[in-house]
């Protein structure tokens, strides 16, 4: 089907920008500690892995190898100032700590971007503007997916359901009796309501990226994603129809945080196909007519 795709950037809030810059600073300080190997070596220092010849070493072995590479050894003379400095900087336990803090900073920065507060308003405005379009919202964060679901229903009534791997078990009163609804039952209920047109909007994380087909979906709002081109294609595929001679166009909105790693990731996953992608500063500029 005809595809209309738009990118719209939002600003981080003041507090979010402060936290984002702090995590970026942490990354800049920690990545050089792993030399030209960077993130790859840090991962091996945490989880182990194979060397260039295919031999496997556990994580502690990588920490020790990198420590020795930087001049550390077990028999350092810790009464000698230079040896103390080496031990303080390159002890294998220190290297393990650098790797843990590096991953923590990466996760922290991603969480700030994935859960940016200004993205909620973009989603709510789009859902209101295109109130006749069946919509699926994608996020990398289950927290964002759940919060968006709650905000949509608070503003518009019970028009939204949520689907992701971390939905919480609920206790409900059915015919005067308390009944436990497990995760699988809640997720199936969400699918049933969405497919049965009881709900118009689905708020999902990455669980529905692939393989989910609902021929009535006309709009996808992608609030966060990876650098992976295939993920973008798969999410687009939840709206793009396969039937021959299908004339109705569909709408894809990519919402990202301006001047951040997230903007860079969006450009990378769109790098192979940008011919139908339009940049807009506000939702008012989206000239889509269903």
C-alpha atoms as a PDB file:
ATOM      1  CA  UNK A   1       0.000   0.000   0.000  1.00  0.00           C
ATOM      2  CA  UNK A   2       0.993   3.634  -0.324  1.00  0.00           C
ATOM      3  CA  UNK A   3       3.235   4.601   2.567  1.00  0.00           C
ATOM      4  CA  UNK A   4       3.365   8.049   4.177  1.00  0.00           C
ATOM      5  CA  UNK A   5       6.253   8.246   6.666  1.00  0.00           C
ATOM      6  CA  UNK A   6       7.157  11.246   8.807  1.00  0.00           C
ATOM      7  CA  UNK A   7       9.909  11.940  11.356  1.00  0.00           C
ATOM      8  CA  UNK A   8       9.110  14.314  14.193  1.00  0.00           C
ATOM      9  CA  UNK A   9      11.643  15.318  16.842  1.00  0.00           C
ATOM     10  CA  UNK A  10      10.961  16.343  20.423  1.00  0.00           C
ATOM     11  CA  UNK A  11      13.159  18.060  22.974  1.00  0.00           C
ATOM     12  CA  UNK A  12      14.237  16.401  26.180  1.00  0.00           C
ATOM     13  CA  UNK A  13      12.972  18.135  29.284  1.00  0.00           C
ATOM     14  CA  UNK A  14      15.544  20.139  31.274  1.00  0.00           C
ATOM     15  CA  UNK A  15      15.952  17.345  33.839  1.00  0.00           C
ATOM     16  CA  UNK A  16      16.130  14.683  31.129  1.00  0.00           C
ATOM     17  CA  UNK A  17      18.805  16.635  29.246  1.00  0.00           C
ATOM     18  CA  UNK A  18      20.896  16.973  32.410  1.00  0.00           C
ATOM     19  CA  UNK A  19      20.676  13.219  33.044  1.00  0.00           C
ATOM     20  CA  UNK A  20      21.359  12.421  29.388  1.00  0.00           C
ATOM     21  CA  UNK A  21      24.476  14.627  29.313  1.00  0.00           C
ATOM     22  CA  UNK A  22      25.714  13.052  32.541  1.00  0.00           C
ATOM     23  CA  UNK A  23      25.367   9.520  31.137  1.00  0.00           C
ATOM     24  CA  UNK A  24      27.072  10.636  27.914  1.00  0.00           C
ATOM     25  CA  UNK A  25      29.953  11.998  29.988  1.00  0.00           C
ATOM     26  CA  UNK A  26      30.197   8.671  31.825  1.00  0.00           C
ATOM     27  CA  UNK A  27      30.344   6.827  28.512  1.00  0.00           C
ATOM     28  CA  UNK A  28      33.059   9.126  27.190  1.00  0.00           C
ATOM     29  CA  UNK A  29      35.160   8.449  30.284  1.00  0.00           C
ATOM     30  CA  UNK A  30      34.661   4.673  30.343  1.00  0.00           C
ATOM     31  CA  UNK A  31      34.847   3.515  26.722  1.00  0.00           C
ATOM     32  CA  UNK A  32      38.535   4.600  26.269  1.00  0.00           C
ATOM     33  CA  UNK A  33      39.491   2.308  29.152  1.00  0.00           C
ATOM     34  CA  UNK A  34      38.921  -0.610  26.760  1.00  0.00           C
ATOM     35  CA  UNK A  35      41.134   0.785  24.007  1.00  0.00           C
ATOM     36  CA  UNK A  36      40.311   0.214  20.348  1.00  0.00           C
ATOM     37  CA  UNK A  37      38.208  -2.818  21.317  1.00  0.00           C
ATOM     38  CA  UNK A  38      35.724  -0.580  23.151  1.00  0.00           C
ATOM     39  CA  UNK A  39      32.291  -2.007  23.782  1.00  0.00           C
ATOM     40  CA  UNK A  40      33.181  -5.444  22.404  1.00  0.00           C
ATOM     41  CA  UNK A  41      35.879  -5.983  25.036  1.00  0.00           C
ATOM     42  CA  UNK A  42      33.701  -4.555  27.813  1.00  0.00           C
ATOM     43  CA  UNK A  43      31.028  -7.108  26.944  1.00  0.00           C
ATOM     44  CA  UNK A  44      33.565  -9.923  27.068  1.00  0.00           C
ATOM     45  CA  UNK A  45      34.789  -8.707  30.456  1.00  0.00           C
ATOM     46  CA  UNK A  46      31.233  -9.184  31.703  1.00  0.00           C
ATOM     47  CA  UNK A  47      30.044 -12.265  29.824  1.00  0.00           C
ATOM     48  CA  UNK A  48      33.072 -13.995  28.303  1.00  0.00           C
ATOM     49  CA  UNK A  49      33.447 -14.793  24.625  1.00  0.00           C
ATOM     50  CA  UNK A  50      35.687 -16.023  21.832  1.00  0.00           C
ATOM     51  CA  UNK A  51      38.979 -14.494  20.767  1.00  0.00           C
ATOM     52  CA  UNK A  52      39.999 -13.875  17.141  1.00  0.00           C
ATOM     53  CA  UNK A  53      40.960 -17.549  16.768  1.00  0.00           C
ATOM     54  CA  UNK A  54      37.652 -18.839  18.082  1.00  0.00           C
ATOM     55  CA  UNK A  55      38.891 -19.904  21.528  1.00  0.00           C
ATOM     56  CA  UNK A  56      36.470 -19.208  24.378  1.00  0.00           C
ATOM     57  CA  UNK A  57      37.508 -17.417  27.573  1.00  0.00           C
ATOM     58  CA  UNK A  58      35.301 -16.589  30.531  1.00  0.00           C
ATOM     59  CA  UNK A  59      34.763 -13.026  31.677  1.00  0.00           C
ATOM     60  CA  UNK A  60      37.345 -13.108  34.441  1.00  0.00           C
ATOM     61  CA  UNK A  61      39.998 -14.312  31.995  1.00  0.00           C
ATOM     62  CA  UNK A  62      39.317 -11.296  29.762  1.00  0.00           C
ATOM     63  CA  UNK A  63      39.584  -8.959  32.752  1.00  0.00           C
ATOM     64  CA  UNK A  64      42.936 -10.484  33.641  1.00  0.00           C
ATOM     65  CA  UNK A  65      44.235 -10.373  30.064  1.00  0.00           C
ATOM     66  CA  UNK A  66      43.314  -6.701  29.726  1.00  0.00           C
ATOM     67  CA  UNK A  67      44.863  -5.980  33.133  1.00  0.00           C
ATOM     68  CA  UNK A  68      48.151  -7.586  32.064  1.00  0.00           C
ATOM     69  CA  UNK A  69      48.017  -5.715  28.767  1.00  0.00           C
ATOM     70  CA  UNK A  70      47.998  -2.484  30.776  1.00  0.00           C
ATOM     71  CA  UNK A  71      50.941  -3.452  33.025  1.00  0.00           C
ATOM     72  CA  UNK A  72      49.165  -5.075  35.984  1.00  0.00           C
ATOM     73  CA  UNK A  73      50.414  -8.331  37.527  1.00  0.00           C
ATOM     74  CA  UNK A  74      49.717 -10.267  40.684  1.00  0.00           C
ATOM     75  CA  UNK A  75      53.128  -9.627  42.241  1.00  0.00           C
ATOM     76  CA  UNK A  76      53.090  -5.826  42.078  1.00  0.00           C
ATOM     77  CA  UNK A  77      55.011  -4.176  44.879  1.00  0.00           C
ATOM     78  CA  UNK A  78      52.246  -2.174  46.528  1.00  0.00           C
ATOM     79  CA  UNK A  79      54.760  -0.233  48.587  1.00  0.00           C
ATOM     80  CA  UNK A  80      55.959   1.371  45.364  1.00  0.00           C
ATOM     81  CA  UNK A  81      53.959   4.463  44.231  1.00  0.00           C
ATOM     82  CA  UNK A  82      54.013   3.522  40.537  1.00  0.00           C
ATOM     83  CA  UNK A  83      52.796   0.015  41.299  1.00  0.00           C
ATOM     84  CA  UNK A  84      50.043   1.410  43.500  1.00  0.00           C
ATOM     85  CA  UNK A  85      48.885   3.603  40.613  1.00  0.00           C
ATOM     86  CA  UNK A  86      48.815   0.628  38.243  1.00  0.00           C
ATOM     87  CA  UNK A  87      46.881  -1.473  40.724  1.00  0.00           C
ATOM     88  CA  UNK A  88      44.402   1.331  41.374  1.00  0.00           C
ATOM     89  CA  UNK A  89      43.793   1.745  37.647  1.00  0.00           C
ATOM     90  CA  UNK A  90      44.164  -1.733  36.132  1.00  0.00           C
ATOM     91  CA  UNK A  91      43.431  -4.324  38.785  1.00  0.00           C
ATOM     92  CA  UNK A  92      41.098  -6.931  37.130  1.00  0.00           C
ATOM     93  CA  UNK A  93      38.394  -6.052  39.648  1.00  0.00           C
ATOM     94  CA  UNK A  94      38.661  -2.424  38.530  1.00  0.00           C
ATOM     95  CA  UNK A  95      38.260  -3.496  34.903  1.00  0.00           C
ATOM     96  CA  UNK A  96      35.181  -5.503  35.817  1.00  0.00           C
ATOM     97  CA  UNK A  97      33.810  -2.382  37.519  1.00  0.00           C
ATOM     98  CA  UNK A  98      34.525  -0.237  34.450  1.00  0.00           C
ATOM     99  CA  UNK A  99      32.610  -2.711  32.277  1.00  0.00           C
ATOM    100  CA  UNK A 100      29.620  -2.796  34.644  1.00  0.00           C
ATOM    101  CA  UNK A 101      29.476   0.986  34.875  1.00  0.00           C
ATOM    102  CA  UNK A 102      29.781   1.323  31.115  1.00  0.00           C
ATOM    103  CA  UNK A 103      26.788  -0.952  30.539  1.00  0.00           C
ATOM    104  CA  UNK A 104      24.890   0.864  33.274  1.00  0.00           C
ATOM    105  CA  UNK A 105      25.512   4.199  31.519  1.00  0.00           C
ATOM    106  CA  UNK A 106      24.399   2.780  28.171  1.00  0.00           C
ATOM    107  CA  UNK A 107      21.195   1.410  29.686  1.00  0.00           C
ATOM    108  CA  UNK A 108      20.603   4.627  31.595  1.00  0.00           C
ATOM    109  CA  UNK A 109      20.913   6.774  28.492  1.00  0.00           C
ATOM    110  CA  UNK A 110      18.605   4.496  26.521  1.00  0.00           C
ATOM    111  CA  UNK A 111      15.976   4.591  29.261  1.00  0.00           C
ATOM    112  CA  UNK A 112      16.031   8.390  29.282  1.00  0.00           C
ATOM    113  CA  UNK A 113      15.450   8.486  25.517  1.00  0.00           C
ATOM    114  CA  UNK A 114      12.897   5.672  25.378  1.00  0.00           C
ATOM    115  CA  UNK A 115      10.810   7.221  28.155  1.00  0.00           C
ATOM    116  CA  UNK A 116      11.157  10.908  27.224  1.00  0.00           C
ATOM    117  CA  UNK A 117       8.127  12.727  28.580  1.00  0.00           C
ATOM    118  CA  UNK A 118       7.450  14.877  25.494  1.00  0.00           C
ATOM    119  CA  UNK A 119       6.794  11.780  23.378  1.00  0.00           C
ATOM    120  CA  UNK A 120       3.518  11.136  25.190  1.00  0.00           C
ATOM    121  CA  UNK A 121       1.973  14.368  23.934  1.00  0.00           C
ATOM    122  CA  UNK A 122       2.938  13.548  20.338  1.00  0.00           C
ATOM    123  CA  UNK A 123       1.181  10.187  20.620  1.00  0.00           C
ATOM    124  CA  UNK A 124      -1.941  11.652  22.230  1.00  0.00           C
ATOM    125  CA  UNK A 125      -2.190  14.420  19.633  1.00  0.00           C
ATOM    126  CA  UNK A 126      -1.820  11.985  16.726  1.00  0.00           C
ATOM    127  CA  UNK A 127      -4.431   9.626  18.150  1.00  0.00           C
ATOM    128  CA  UNK A 128      -6.816  12.534  18.556  1.00  0.00           C
ATOM    129  CA  UNK A 129      -6.094  14.000  15.108  1.00  0.00           C
ATOM    130  CA  UNK A 130      -6.563  10.666  13.348  1.00  0.00           C
ATOM    131  CA  UNK A 131      -9.397   9.363  15.471  1.00  0.00           C
ATOM    132  CA  UNK A 132     -10.689   7.158  12.660  1.00  0.00           C
ATOM    133  CA  UNK A 133      -7.427   5.214  12.195  1.00  0.00           C
ATOM    134  CA  UNK A 134      -6.719   1.904  13.892  1.00  0.00           C
ATOM    135  CA  UNK A 135      -3.310   2.485  15.447  1.00  0.00           C
ATOM    136  CA  UNK A 136      -0.389   0.541  16.856  1.00  0.00           C
ATOM    137  CA  UNK A 137       2.268   2.292  18.992  1.00  0.00           C
ATOM    138  CA  UNK A 138       5.746   0.771  19.295  1.00  0.00           C
ATOM    139  CA  UNK A 139       8.349   1.382  21.989  1.00  0.00           C
ATOM    140  CA  UNK A 140      11.555  -0.238  23.180  1.00  0.00           C
ATOM    141  CA  UNK A 141      10.433   0.354  26.769  1.00  0.00           C
ATOM    142  CA  UNK A 142       7.710  -1.683  28.452  1.00  0.00           C
ATOM    143  CA  UNK A 143       7.397   1.136  30.989  1.00  0.00           C
ATOM    144  CA  UNK A 144       6.638   3.638  28.231  1.00  0.00           C
ATOM    145  CA  UNK A 145       4.162   1.241  26.599  1.00  0.00           C
ATOM    146  CA  UNK A 146       2.259   0.813  29.862  1.00  0.00           C
ATOM    147  CA  UNK A 147       2.276   4.526  30.720  1.00  0.00           C
ATOM    148  CA  UNK A 148       1.110   5.449  27.219  1.00  0.00           C
ATOM    149  CA  UNK A 149      -1.746   2.956  27.468  1.00  0.00           C
ATOM    150  CA  UNK A 150      -2.851   4.531  30.754  1.00  0.00           C
ATOM    151  CA  UNK A 151      -2.568   8.098  29.429  1.00  0.00           C
ATOM    152  CA  UNK A 152      -4.581   7.287  26.292  1.00  0.00           C
ATOM    153  CA  UNK A 153      -7.394   5.720  28.260  1.00  0.00           C
ATOM    154  CA  UNK A 154      -7.379   8.540  30.793  1.00  0.00           C
ATOM    155  CA  UNK A 155      -7.821  11.118  28.035  1.00  0.00           C
ATOM    156  CA  UNK A 156     -10.057   9.316  25.551  1.00  0.00           C
ATOM    157  CA  UNK A 157     -11.775   6.559  27.488  1.00  0.00           C
ATOM    158  CA  UNK A 158     -11.160   2.829  27.144  1.00  0.00           C
ATOM    159  CA  UNK A 159      -9.893   2.831  23.549  1.00  0.00           C
ATOM    160  CA  UNK A 160      -6.415   1.358  24.146  1.00  0.00           C
ATOM    161  CA  UNK A 161      -4.939  -2.005  25.160  1.00  0.00           C
ATOM    162  CA  UNK A 162      -1.353  -2.892  26.051  1.00  0.00           C
ATOM    163  CA  UNK A 163       0.832  -5.827  24.968  1.00  0.00           C
ATOM    164  CA  UNK A 164       4.388  -6.618  26.044  1.00  0.00           C
ATOM    165  CA  UNK A 165       6.453  -9.187  27.920  1.00  0.00           C
ATOM    166  CA  UNK A 166       6.146  -7.520  31.333  1.00  0.00           C
ATOM    167  CA  UNK A 167       2.416  -6.941  31.692  1.00  0.00           C
ATOM    168  CA  UNK A 168       1.516  -7.513  35.327  1.00  0.00           C
ATOM    169  CA  UNK A 169      -0.846 -10.109  36.725  1.00  0.00           C
ATOM    170  CA  UNK A 170      -4.180  -8.637  37.802  1.00  0.00           C
ATOM    171  CA  UNK A 171      -6.888  -9.575  40.273  1.00  0.00           C
ATOM    172  CA  UNK A 172     -10.388  -8.820  39.047  1.00  0.00           C
ATOM    173  CA  UNK A 173     -13.870  -9.293  40.462  1.00  0.00           C
ATOM    174  CA  UNK A 174     -15.827 -11.602  38.141  1.00  0.00           C
ATOM    175  CA  UNK A 175     -19.431 -12.418  39.164  1.00  0.00           C
ATOM    176  CA  UNK A 176     -18.657 -11.308  42.696  1.00  0.00           C
ATOM    177  CA  UNK A 177     -15.563 -13.498  42.944  1.00  0.00           C
ATOM    178  CA  UNK A 178     -11.930 -12.427  42.882  1.00  0.00           C
ATOM    179  CA  UNK A 179     -10.226 -13.978  39.868  1.00  0.00           C
ATOM    180  CA  UNK A 180      -6.526 -13.923  39.005  1.00  0.00           C
ATOM    181  CA  UNK A 181      -5.636 -12.903  35.436  1.00  0.00           C
ATOM    182  CA  UNK A 182      -2.134 -14.047  34.474  1.00  0.00           C
ATOM    183  CA  UNK A 183       0.156 -12.407  31.917  1.00  0.00           C
ATOM    184  CA  UNK A 184      -0.761 -14.701  29.045  1.00  0.00           C
ATOM    185  CA  UNK A 185      -4.474 -14.232  29.651  1.00  0.00           C
ATOM    186  CA  UNK A 186      -4.122 -10.441  29.776  1.00  0.00           C
ATOM    187  CA  UNK A 187      -2.073 -10.355  26.574  1.00  0.00           C
ATOM    188  CA  UNK A 188      -4.593 -12.549  24.774  1.00  0.00           C
ATOM    189  CA  UNK A 189      -7.397 -10.321  26.022  1.00  0.00           C
ATOM    190  CA  UNK A 190      -5.588  -7.297  24.561  1.00  0.00           C
ATOM    191  CA  UNK A 191      -5.276  -8.999  21.189  1.00  0.00           C
ATOM    192  CA  UNK A 192      -8.920 -10.063  21.239  1.00  0.00           C
ATOM    193  CA  UNK A 193     -10.134  -6.542  22.028  1.00  0.00           C
ATOM    194  CA  UNK A 194      -7.918  -4.976  19.377  1.00  0.00           C
ATOM    195  CA  UNK A 195      -8.857  -7.477  16.696  1.00  0.00           C
ATOM    196  CA  UNK A 196     -12.519  -7.308  17.663  1.00  0.00           C
ATOM    197  CA  UNK A 197     -12.485  -3.500  17.325  1.00  0.00           C
ATOM    198  CA  UNK A 198     -13.376  -3.032  20.987  1.00  0.00           C
ATOM    199  CA  UNK A 199     -10.058  -1.161  21.221  1.00  0.00           C
ATOM    200  CA  UNK A 200      -8.772   1.182  18.500  1.00  0.00           C
ATOM    201  CA  UNK A 201      -5.194   1.559  19.778  1.00  0.00           C
ATOM    202  CA  UNK A 202      -2.566  -1.021  20.726  1.00  0.00           C
ATOM    203  CA  UNK A 203       0.387   0.100  22.878  1.00  0.00           C
ATOM    204  CA  UNK A 204       3.186  -2.418  22.420  1.00  0.00           C
ATOM    205  CA  UNK A 205       6.880  -2.804  23.073  1.00  0.00           C
ATOM    206  CA  UNK A 206       8.928  -4.984  20.700  1.00  0.00           C
ATOM    207  CA  UNK A 207       6.840  -8.147  21.196  1.00  0.00           C
ATOM    208  CA  UNK A 208       4.639  -7.346  18.191  1.00  0.00           C
ATOM    209  CA  UNK A 209       7.430  -6.189  15.871  1.00  0.00           C
ATOM    210  CA  UNK A 210       7.238  -9.369  13.806  1.00  0.00           C
ATOM    211  CA  UNK A 211       4.541 -11.678  12.610  1.00  0.00           C
ATOM    212  CA  UNK A 212       1.482  -9.860  13.914  1.00  0.00           C
ATOM    213  CA  UNK A 213      -1.035  -9.147  11.171  1.00  0.00           C
ATOM    214  CA  UNK A 214      -4.182  -7.077  11.539  1.00  0.00           C
ATOM    215  CA  UNK A 215      -5.458  -5.882   8.194  1.00  0.00           C
ATOM    216  CA  UNK A 216      -7.294  -2.914   9.720  1.00  0.00           C
ATOM    217  CA  UNK A 217      -4.226  -1.100  11.135  1.00  0.00           C
ATOM    218  CA  UNK A 218      -3.681   2.193   9.318  1.00  0.00           C
ATOM    219  CA  UNK A 219      -1.235   4.104  11.545  1.00  0.00           C
ATOM    220  CA  UNK A 220       1.945   3.104  13.361  1.00  0.00           C
ATOM    221  CA  UNK A 221       3.602   5.452  15.866  1.00  0.00           C
ATOM    222  CA  UNK A 222       7.194   4.386  16.535  1.00  0.00           C
ATOM    223  CA  UNK A 223       8.364   6.123  19.705  1.00  0.00           C
ATOM    224  CA  UNK A 224      11.762   4.402  19.927  1.00  0.00           C
ATOM    225  CA  UNK A 225      13.777   1.756  18.142  1.00  0.00           C
ATOM    226  CA  UNK A 226      17.200   0.289  17.503  1.00  0.00           C
ATOM    227  CA  UNK A 227      19.599   1.049  14.638  1.00  0.00           C
ATOM    228  CA  UNK A 228      18.381  -2.089  12.869  1.00  0.00           C
ATOM    229  CA  UNK A 229      16.924  -1.541   9.387  1.00  0.00           C
ATOM    230  CA  UNK A 230      15.002  -4.829   9.585  1.00  0.00           C
ATOM    231  CA  UNK A 231      13.210  -3.736  12.766  1.00  0.00           C
ATOM    232  CA  UNK A 232      11.976  -0.610  11.001  1.00  0.00           C
ATOM    233  CA  UNK A 233      10.800  -2.685   8.039  1.00  0.00           C
ATOM    234  CA  UNK A 234       9.004  -5.131  10.308  1.00  0.00           C
ATOM    235  CA  UNK A 235       7.199  -2.399  12.202  1.00  0.00           C
ATOM    236  CA  UNK A 236       6.171  -0.736   8.967  1.00  0.00           C
ATOM    237  CA  UNK A 237       4.882  -4.126   7.894  1.00  0.00           C
ATOM    238  CA  UNK A 238       2.264  -4.090  10.648  1.00  0.00           C
ATOM    239  CA  UNK A 239       0.459  -1.403   8.640  1.00  0.00           C
ATOM    240  CA  UNK A 240       1.440  -2.059   5.022  1.00  0.00           C
ATOM    241  CA  UNK A 241      -1.155  -4.211   3.251  1.00  0.00           C
ATOM    242  CA  UNK A 242      -0.246  -7.028   0.887  1.00  0.00           C
ATOM    243  CA  UNK A 243      -3.371  -7.248  -1.268  1.00  0.00           C
ATOM    244  CA  UNK A 244      -3.055  -6.436  -4.966  1.00  0.00           C
ATOM    245  CA  UNK A 245      -4.515  -3.149  -6.149  1.00  0.00           C
ATOM    246  CA  UNK A 246      -4.859  -1.891  -2.570  1.00  0.00           C
ATOM    247  CA  UNK A 247      -5.325   1.858  -2.897  1.00  0.00           C
ATOM    248  CA  UNK A 248      -5.670   3.202   0.654  1.00  0.00           C
ATOM    249  CA  UNK A 249      -2.508   4.778   2.054  1.00  0.00           C
ATOM    250  CA  UNK A 250      -1.123   4.186   5.548  1.00  0.00           C
ATOM    251  CA  UNK A 251       0.723   6.436   7.986  1.00  0.00           C
ATOM    252  CA  UNK A 252       4.020   5.850   9.847  1.00  0.00           C
ATOM    253  CA  UNK A 253       5.244   8.370  12.438  1.00  0.00           C
ATOM    254  CA  UNK A 254       8.756   8.127  13.924  1.00  0.00           C
ATOM    255  CA  UNK A 255       9.135  10.150  17.128  1.00  0.00           C
ATOM    256  CA  UNK A 256      12.687  10.760  18.382  1.00  0.00           C
ATOM    257  CA  UNK A 257      14.616  12.995  20.768  1.00  0.00           C
ATOM    258  CA  UNK A 258      16.469  15.756  18.948  1.00  0.00           C
ATOM    259  CA  UNK A 259      20.276  16.024  19.113  1.00  0.00           C
ATOM    260  CA  UNK A 260      20.711  12.685  20.842  1.00  0.00           C
ATOM    261  CA  UNK A 261      21.945   9.175  20.112  1.00  0.00           C
ATOM    262  CA  UNK A 262      18.330   8.319  19.297  1.00  0.00           C
ATOM    263  CA  UNK A 263      18.308  10.661  16.302  1.00  0.00           C
ATOM    264  CA  UNK A 264      21.472   8.974  15.053  1.00  0.00           C
ATOM    265  CA  UNK A 265      19.862   5.540  15.471  1.00  0.00           C
ATOM    266  CA  UNK A 266      16.793   6.628  13.513  1.00  0.00           C
ATOM    267  CA  UNK A 267      18.940   7.861  10.622  1.00  0.00           C
ATOM    268  CA  UNK A 268      20.823   4.558  10.539  1.00  0.00           C
ATOM    269  CA  UNK A 269      17.733   2.370  10.444  1.00  0.00           C
ATOM    270  CA  UNK A 270      16.292   4.543   7.684  1.00  0.00           C
ATOM    271  CA  UNK A 271      19.553   4.831   5.733  1.00  0.00           C
ATOM    272  CA  UNK A 272      18.647   2.177   3.148  1.00  0.00           C
ATOM    273  CA  UNK A 273      15.271   3.675   2.288  1.00  0.00           C
ATOM    274  CA  UNK A 274      14.471   7.356   2.807  1.00  0.00           C
ATOM    275  CA  UNK A 275      12.705   8.172  -0.449  1.00  0.00           C
ATOM    276  CA  UNK A 276       9.261   8.469   1.184  1.00  0.00           C
ATOM    277  CA  UNK A 277      10.330   9.892   4.548  1.00  0.00           C
ATOM    278  CA  UNK A 278       9.492  13.510   5.401  1.00  0.00           C
ATOM    279  CA  UNK A 279      10.885  15.634   8.219  1.00  0.00           C
ATOM    280  CA  UNK A 280       8.388  17.795  10.117  1.00  0.00           C
ATOM    281  CA  UNK A 281       8.710  20.161  13.071  1.00  0.00           C
ATOM    282  CA  UNK A 282       5.127  19.750  14.263  1.00  0.00           C
ATOM    283  CA  UNK A 283       2.141  17.464  13.793  1.00  0.00           C
ATOM    284  CA  UNK A 284       0.355  20.303  11.970  1.00  0.00           C
ATOM    285  CA  UNK A 285       2.825  19.827   9.104  1.00  0.00           C
ATOM    286  CA  UNK A 286       1.741  16.217   8.528  1.00  0.00           C
ATOM    287  CA  UNK A 287      -0.335  16.545   5.370  1.00  0.00           C
ATOM    288  CA  UNK A 288      -1.876  13.081   5.461  1.00  0.00           C
ATOM    289  CA  UNK A 289      -5.497  12.535   4.537  1.00  0.00           C
ATOM    290  CA  UNK A 290      -6.904   9.047   5.132  1.00  0.00           C
END
